Protein backbone atom coordinates (compact mmCIF):
# COMPACT_ATOMS: atom_id res chain seq x y z
CA MET A 1 8.39 -25.10 19.23
CA LEU A 2 8.53 -26.67 15.81
CA HIS A 3 5.11 -27.29 14.31
CA ASN A 4 4.71 -29.42 11.19
CA SER A 5 0.95 -29.81 10.93
CA ASP A 6 -2.08 -28.39 9.17
CA ARG A 7 -3.32 -27.23 12.57
CA ALA A 8 -0.33 -24.94 12.96
CA ILE A 9 -0.81 -23.54 9.46
CA ARG A 10 -4.51 -22.87 10.07
CA PHE A 11 -3.66 -21.21 13.37
CA ALA A 12 -1.04 -19.06 11.70
CA VAL A 13 -3.15 -17.78 8.82
CA ASN A 14 -6.00 -16.97 11.20
CA GLN A 15 -3.81 -14.37 12.92
CA GLN A 16 -4.84 -10.94 11.60
CA HIS A 17 -3.18 -7.52 11.30
CA GLY A 18 -0.06 -6.77 13.26
CA ARG A 19 1.16 -10.31 12.75
CA GLY A 20 3.81 -11.18 10.21
CA THR A 21 4.77 -14.29 8.25
CA LEU A 22 8.50 -14.24 7.46
CA THR A 23 9.46 -16.34 4.45
CA LYS A 24 13.00 -17.16 3.43
CA SER A 25 11.86 -18.68 0.15
CA ARG A 26 8.94 -20.48 -1.44
CA VAL A 27 8.91 -23.69 0.55
CA ALA A 28 6.44 -26.40 -0.37
CA GLN A 29 3.86 -27.45 2.23
CA THR A 30 4.39 -24.29 4.31
CA LEU A 31 2.83 -20.86 4.45
CA SER A 32 5.24 -19.56 1.87
CA CYS A 33 3.67 -21.75 -0.81
CA LEU A 34 0.55 -19.63 -0.43
CA GLY A 35 2.48 -16.44 -1.14
CA ASN A 36 1.13 -12.99 -0.44
CA ALA A 37 -1.78 -13.35 -2.85
CA GLY A 38 -2.87 -16.59 -1.20
CA LEU A 39 -2.55 -15.19 2.31
CA GLN A 40 -4.50 -12.13 1.23
CA LYS A 41 -7.42 -14.37 0.23
CA VAL A 42 -7.38 -15.92 3.72
CA LEU A 43 -6.68 -12.87 5.87
CA ASN A 44 -8.42 -10.14 3.88
CA PRO A 45 -10.73 -11.79 1.33
CA SER A 46 -12.41 -9.62 -1.27
CA ARG A 47 -16.06 -8.80 -0.65
CA PRO A 48 -18.84 -7.56 -2.93
CA GLY A 49 -18.62 -3.82 -3.32
CA GLN A 50 -15.20 -3.64 -1.66
CA GLN A 51 -12.96 -0.94 -3.07
CA ALA A 52 -9.82 -2.30 -4.69
CA VAL A 53 -7.24 -1.40 -7.31
CA GLU A 54 -4.96 -3.61 -9.39
CA ARG A 55 -1.58 -2.25 -10.38
CA PHE A 56 1.90 -3.67 -11.02
CA GLY A 57 0.83 -7.26 -10.45
CA TRP A 58 -0.84 -6.63 -7.06
CA ARG A 59 -4.45 -6.26 -6.01
CA PHE A 60 -4.74 -3.75 -3.18
CA GLN A 61 -7.84 -3.69 -0.97
CA ILE A 62 -8.86 -1.73 2.10
CA GLY A 63 -7.40 -3.48 5.13
CA ASP A 64 -4.42 -4.97 3.28
CA LYS A 65 -1.05 -5.01 5.00
CA VAL A 66 1.59 -3.49 2.71
CA ILE A 67 5.30 -2.73 2.84
CA GLN A 68 7.24 0.15 1.33
CA THR A 69 9.85 -1.26 -1.06
CA GLU A 70 11.96 1.84 -1.69
CA ASN A 71 12.86 5.10 0.01
CA ASP A 72 10.54 8.00 -0.78
CA TYR A 73 11.88 11.12 0.90
CA ASP A 74 9.02 13.29 -0.38
CA LYS A 75 6.48 11.09 1.40
CA ASP A 76 8.81 10.44 4.34
CA VAL A 77 8.40 6.66 4.01
CA PHE A 78 11.29 4.27 3.70
CA ASN A 79 12.15 0.79 2.52
CA GLY A 80 10.74 -1.72 5.01
CA ASP A 81 8.01 0.50 6.52
CA VAL A 82 4.83 -1.54 7.03
CA GLY A 83 1.34 -0.04 6.90
CA ILE A 84 -2.35 -0.78 6.32
CA VAL A 85 -4.41 0.34 3.32
CA GLU A 86 -7.05 2.66 4.79
CA ARG A 87 -8.73 4.27 1.79
CA ILE A 88 -8.97 3.82 -1.97
CA ASP A 89 -10.31 6.74 -3.99
CA ALA A 90 -11.21 5.71 -7.53
CA VAL A 91 -12.09 9.31 -8.49
CA GLU A 92 -8.83 10.86 -7.30
CA GLN A 93 -7.01 7.63 -8.23
CA GLN A 94 -5.25 7.49 -4.89
CA VAL A 95 -4.57 4.92 -2.19
CA ALA A 96 -4.11 6.06 1.42
CA VAL A 97 -1.89 3.89 3.64
CA ARG A 98 -1.68 4.25 7.42
CA PHE A 99 1.90 4.04 8.73
CA ASP A 100 1.55 4.24 12.53
CA GLU A 101 0.15 7.74 13.09
CA ARG A 102 0.73 8.99 9.54
CA LEU A 103 -1.56 8.67 6.52
CA VAL A 104 0.40 8.56 3.27
CA LYS A 105 -1.29 8.95 -0.11
CA TYR A 106 -0.12 7.21 -3.30
CA ASP A 107 -1.30 7.95 -6.80
CA PHE A 108 -2.25 4.78 -8.62
CA GLY A 109 0.87 5.23 -10.75
CA GLU A 110 3.03 5.17 -7.60
CA LEU A 111 1.81 1.82 -6.31
CA ASP A 112 4.97 0.15 -7.54
CA GLU A 113 6.53 1.58 -4.34
CA ILE A 114 4.54 -0.83 -2.16
CA SER A 115 3.68 -4.52 -2.14
CA LEU A 116 1.57 -6.85 -0.02
CA ALA A 117 3.24 -7.68 3.29
CA TYR A 118 1.42 -10.75 4.61
CA ALA A 119 4.65 -12.64 3.95
CA ILE A 120 7.99 -10.84 3.94
CA THR A 121 11.63 -11.87 3.97
CA ILE A 122 13.56 -11.95 7.21
CA HIS A 123 15.84 -9.30 5.74
CA LYS A 124 12.86 -6.99 5.20
CA SER A 125 11.67 -7.61 8.76
CA GLN A 126 14.77 -6.15 10.38
CA GLY A 127 13.84 -3.24 12.61
CA SER A 128 10.21 -4.38 12.92
CA GLU A 129 8.35 -6.44 15.51
CA PHE A 130 5.10 -8.39 15.31
CA PRO A 131 2.85 -9.95 17.97
CA ALA A 132 3.19 -13.28 16.16
CA VAL A 133 5.69 -14.58 13.63
CA VAL A 134 5.57 -17.72 11.48
CA ILE A 135 8.79 -18.99 9.86
CA PRO A 136 8.82 -21.90 7.39
CA LEU A 137 11.99 -24.02 7.27
CA ALA A 138 13.02 -26.65 4.72
CA THR A 139 16.28 -28.33 3.75
CA GLN A 140 15.67 -27.64 0.05
CA HIS A 141 17.08 -24.16 0.59
CA TYR A 142 20.26 -25.14 2.36
CA MET A 143 22.18 -21.95 1.54
CA LEU A 144 19.61 -19.85 3.39
CA LEU A 145 19.73 -21.89 6.59
CA GLN A 146 21.94 -19.63 8.70
CA ARG A 147 21.97 -19.01 12.42
CA ASN A 148 21.96 -15.23 12.09
CA LEU A 149 18.89 -15.28 9.84
CA ILE A 150 16.97 -17.59 12.17
CA TYR A 151 17.93 -15.45 15.17
CA THR A 152 16.74 -12.31 13.40
CA GLY A 153 13.48 -13.99 12.43
CA ILE A 154 12.56 -15.39 15.83
CA THR A 155 13.37 -12.14 17.61
CA ARG A 156 10.79 -10.31 15.46
CA GLY A 157 7.95 -12.02 17.36
CA LYS A 158 6.83 -10.37 20.61
CA ARG A 159 4.32 -12.93 21.92
CA LEU A 160 4.23 -15.93 19.59
CA LEU A 161 6.65 -17.77 17.32
CA VAL A 162 5.68 -20.70 15.11
CA LEU A 163 8.29 -22.66 13.14
CA ILE A 164 6.80 -24.82 10.41
CA GLY A 165 8.91 -27.35 8.55
CA GLN A 166 11.67 -29.84 9.26
CA LYS A 167 13.56 -30.27 12.51
CA LYS A 168 16.60 -31.16 10.42
CA ALA A 169 16.44 -27.76 8.69
CA LEU A 170 16.33 -25.98 12.03
CA GLY A 171 19.32 -28.00 13.24
CA ILE A 172 21.31 -27.11 10.14
CA ALA A 173 20.54 -23.42 10.62
CA VAL A 174 21.48 -23.43 14.30
CA ARG A 175 24.82 -25.11 13.58
CA ASN A 176 25.62 -22.86 10.63
CA ASP A 177 27.15 -19.76 12.17
CA ARG A 178 29.31 -18.89 9.17
CA PRO A 179 28.12 -15.79 7.30
CA GLN A 180 27.91 -16.18 3.55
CA ARG A 181 30.62 -14.31 1.72
CA ARG A 182 29.96 -12.58 -1.54
CA TYR A 183 32.74 -12.61 -4.10
CA SER A 184 32.28 -9.80 -6.56
CA GLY A 185 35.89 -9.16 -7.56
CA LEU A 186 35.53 -5.53 -6.51
CA LEU A 187 38.41 -5.60 -4.04
CA ALA A 188 40.74 -7.11 -6.60
CA SER A 189 39.73 -4.46 -9.11
CA LEU A 190 40.39 -1.68 -6.63
CA ARG A 191 43.80 -3.10 -5.89
CA GLY A 192 44.60 -3.35 -9.57
CA GLU A 193 45.22 -7.05 -9.23
CA ARG A 194 43.21 -8.03 -12.24
CA ARG A 195 45.28 -8.57 -15.30
CA GLN A 196 44.80 -5.77 -17.79
CA PRO A 197 44.32 -6.78 -21.43
CA GLN A 198 47.53 -6.43 -23.41
CA ALA A 199 47.59 -4.16 -26.42
CA ALA A 200 48.02 -5.90 -29.76
CA HIS A 201 51.45 -5.47 -31.38
CA SER A 202 51.80 -5.18 -35.11
CA GLY A 203 54.50 -7.18 -36.77
């Protein structure tokens, strides 16, 4: 179903933990325009006396959904792992995040390894599932409208999927089954096909 109404947006942001909003970009008049900070205010608003810490451009509070953004082999957490902030210790300057059955502690100086995860990219969602998924779609970001991305996004939802945006954008994505190629010139360099600069000759 393709929803393009305030009712769908209100329904989506009222879904609490265990539910993910997958954004492909910042699309006006969709959930992505709220961003993680905006969704945090709706889904986990700050309360008087609530423990919180601000580091690296994020405000982390107890109950926040967060995502690991890099591999940390010492902590045994990896890029894309999603957890919930369970404790914040201002004395020890540590944040404890629950990843499934494991509680992982971060020093305040290590909080650049995680970010809020109320809205994440479809790429980041690979390997994860959520009871409900909301995907905004708009034609303004034509290059991102690809069938494989949409397929990946909709298959992340276990019980509910909400598409918010334009039917035209969805149609473009469904018809676009050509993967985007990246031209870096690496293959040509490896093959020695790039012209080497000629040495200057003295007269």
